[in-house]
Amino acid sequence: MPGATIYEIDDMPVLEMEVSDERFAEWMRANLATAARHFDVTVDGDPVFGWRLRSIGARVSGAEAWRWLRVVSDYPQWASGDGWTGNADANALTGIAKPHLLDACEWDDNGRRQRAQRQRA
């Protein structure tokens, strides 16, 4: 959000986000928009950032009922394994409430690997 102060909260003291983090957050918003175009949906909820800005998600709408769109970003050497495919792998679990991954796409941008996931809540 333009003009907003963004804070990172973890085990360390609360610090105002660095300017470089603000640029990264804006880049992640652009990746969310790219994913929305790919899946032909409209972002209609406020974007929410995940841990250390590594992911961004928002409610989206399209031809189907509203869904959740999530984009995760990492360097190519880390873009694999449970942390990368965990949401898709979780589809095999039954009997617990969780988002269901409908489909995903991946692309490279600015030296990082992006993975967009369209989910049903």
Protein backbone atom coordinates (compact mmCIF):
# COMPACT_ATOMS: atom_id res chain seq x y z
CA MET A 1 0.00 0.00 0.00
CA PRO A 2 1.54 3.31 -1.01
CA GLY A 3 2.77 5.26 1.99
CA ALA A 4 2.28 2.36 4.39
CA THR A 5 4.89 1.50 6.99
CA ILE A 6 5.70 -2.19 6.85
CA TYR A 7 7.18 -4.00 9.82
CA GLU A 8 8.83 -7.40 10.08
CA ILE A 9 8.06 -9.28 13.27
CA ASP A 10 10.05 -12.35 14.30
CA ASP A 11 12.45 -13.22 17.13
CA MET A 12 14.28 -9.96 16.60
CA PRO A 13 13.07 -6.52 17.67
CA VAL A 14 10.40 -4.94 15.45
CA LEU A 15 12.14 -2.94 12.72
CA GLU A 16 10.81 -0.75 9.97
CA MET A 17 11.22 -2.45 6.60
CA GLU A 18 14.26 -1.42 4.60
CA VAL A 19 13.81 0.44 1.30
CA SER A 20 15.15 -2.62 -0.56
CA ASP A 21 12.42 -4.70 1.11
CA GLU A 22 9.81 -2.21 -0.05
CA ARG A 23 11.09 -2.63 -3.62
CA PHE A 24 11.03 -6.40 -3.24
CA ALA A 25 7.45 -6.23 -1.90
CA GLU A 26 6.43 -4.17 -4.93
CA TRP A 27 8.11 -6.73 -7.22
CA MET A 28 6.17 -9.50 -5.46
CA ARG A 29 2.93 -7.56 -6.02
CA ALA A 30 3.84 -7.46 -9.73
CA ASN A 31 4.39 -11.24 -9.65
CA LEU A 32 0.94 -11.67 -8.09
CA ALA A 33 -0.50 -9.60 -10.96
CA THR A 34 1.39 -11.78 -13.48
CA ALA A 35 -0.06 -14.92 -11.90
CA ALA A 36 -3.56 -13.41 -11.92
CA ARG A 37 -3.28 -12.75 -15.66
CA HIS A 38 -2.02 -16.31 -16.23
CA PHE A 39 -5.02 -17.83 -14.42
CA ASP A 40 -7.42 -15.22 -15.87
CA VAL A 41 -8.57 -14.03 -12.43
CA THR A 42 -8.87 -10.64 -10.76
CA VAL A 43 -7.22 -9.85 -7.44
CA ASP A 44 -10.06 -8.54 -5.29
CA GLY A 45 -8.62 -8.93 -1.81
CA ASP A 46 -5.80 -7.17 -0.04
CA PRO A 47 -2.49 -8.95 -0.68
CA VAL A 48 -0.93 -10.66 2.32
CA PHE A 49 2.79 -11.36 2.59
CA GLY A 50 4.23 -14.56 3.99
CA TRP A 51 7.35 -15.05 6.06
CA ARG A 52 10.14 -12.64 5.12
CA LEU A 53 8.28 -11.60 1.96
CA ARG A 54 8.93 -15.02 0.37
CA SER A 55 5.29 -15.35 -0.62
CA ILE A 56 2.32 -13.17 -1.37
CA GLY A 57 -1.33 -14.18 -1.60
CA ALA A 58 -4.71 -12.63 -2.15
CA ARG A 59 -8.34 -13.53 -2.73
CA VAL A 60 -9.17 -13.63 -6.44
CA SER A 61 -12.31 -13.97 -8.53
CA GLY A 62 -12.94 -15.20 -12.04
CA ALA A 63 -15.29 -17.47 -13.91
CA GLU A 64 -15.47 -19.77 -10.87
CA ALA A 65 -16.29 -18.87 -7.27
CA TRP A 66 -13.61 -16.84 -5.53
CA ARG A 67 -10.29 -18.53 -4.93
CA TRP A 68 -6.95 -17.80 -3.28
CA LEU A 69 -3.89 -17.04 -5.38
CA ARG A 70 -0.44 -17.45 -3.85
CA VAL A 71 2.97 -16.73 -5.34
CA VAL A 72 6.13 -17.97 -3.68
CA SER A 73 9.59 -16.82 -4.73
CA ASP A 74 13.04 -18.26 -4.13
CA TYR A 75 16.43 -18.66 -5.74
CA PRO A 76 16.53 -21.55 -8.23
CA GLN A 77 18.73 -23.75 -6.02
CA TRP A 78 16.04 -23.62 -3.29
CA ALA A 79 12.99 -23.88 -5.56
CA SER A 80 12.34 -27.57 -4.92
CA GLY A 81 11.35 -29.98 -2.17
CA ASP A 82 8.72 -29.75 0.55
CA GLY A 83 8.93 -25.99 0.95
CA TRP A 84 8.29 -25.51 -2.76
CA THR A 85 5.66 -28.18 -3.45
CA GLY A 86 4.15 -28.55 0.03
CA ASN A 87 0.75 -27.16 -0.92
CA ALA A 88 0.45 -29.56 -3.85
CA ASP A 89 1.69 -32.47 -1.71
CA ALA A 90 -0.93 -31.63 0.94
CA ASN A 91 -3.71 -32.48 -1.53
CA ALA A 92 -3.10 -36.13 -0.59
CA LEU A 93 -4.06 -35.48 3.06
CA THR A 94 -7.69 -36.06 3.93
CA GLY A 95 -9.81 -35.40 6.99
CA ILE A 96 -8.31 -31.99 7.84
CA ALA A 97 -9.34 -28.50 6.79
CA LYS A 98 -6.81 -26.97 4.42
CA PRO A 99 -6.64 -25.17 1.08
CA HIS A 100 -6.81 -27.47 -1.95
CA LEU A 101 -4.35 -26.74 -4.76
CA LEU A 102 -6.20 -26.50 -8.07
CA ASP A 103 -3.25 -25.76 -10.33
CA ALA A 104 0.16 -24.13 -10.42
CA CYS A 105 2.56 -22.50 -12.84
CA GLU A 106 6.22 -21.50 -12.57
CA TRP A 107 8.45 -18.94 -14.25
CA ASP A 108 11.82 -17.23 -13.78
CA ASP A 109 12.11 -13.53 -13.10
CA ASN A 110 14.99 -11.37 -11.94
CA GLY A 111 17.19 -14.37 -11.08
CA ARG A 112 14.51 -16.01 -8.93
CA ARG A 113 12.03 -18.82 -9.48
CA GLN A 114 8.35 -17.97 -9.04
CA ARG A 115 5.58 -20.50 -8.34
CA ALA A 116 1.95 -19.39 -8.53
CA GLN A 117 -0.72 -21.57 -6.95
CA ARG A 118 -4.46 -21.21 -7.43
CA GLN A 119 -6.22 -22.67 -4.42
CA ARG A 120 -9.75 -23.43 -3.32
CA ALA A 121 -10.33 -22.47 0.29
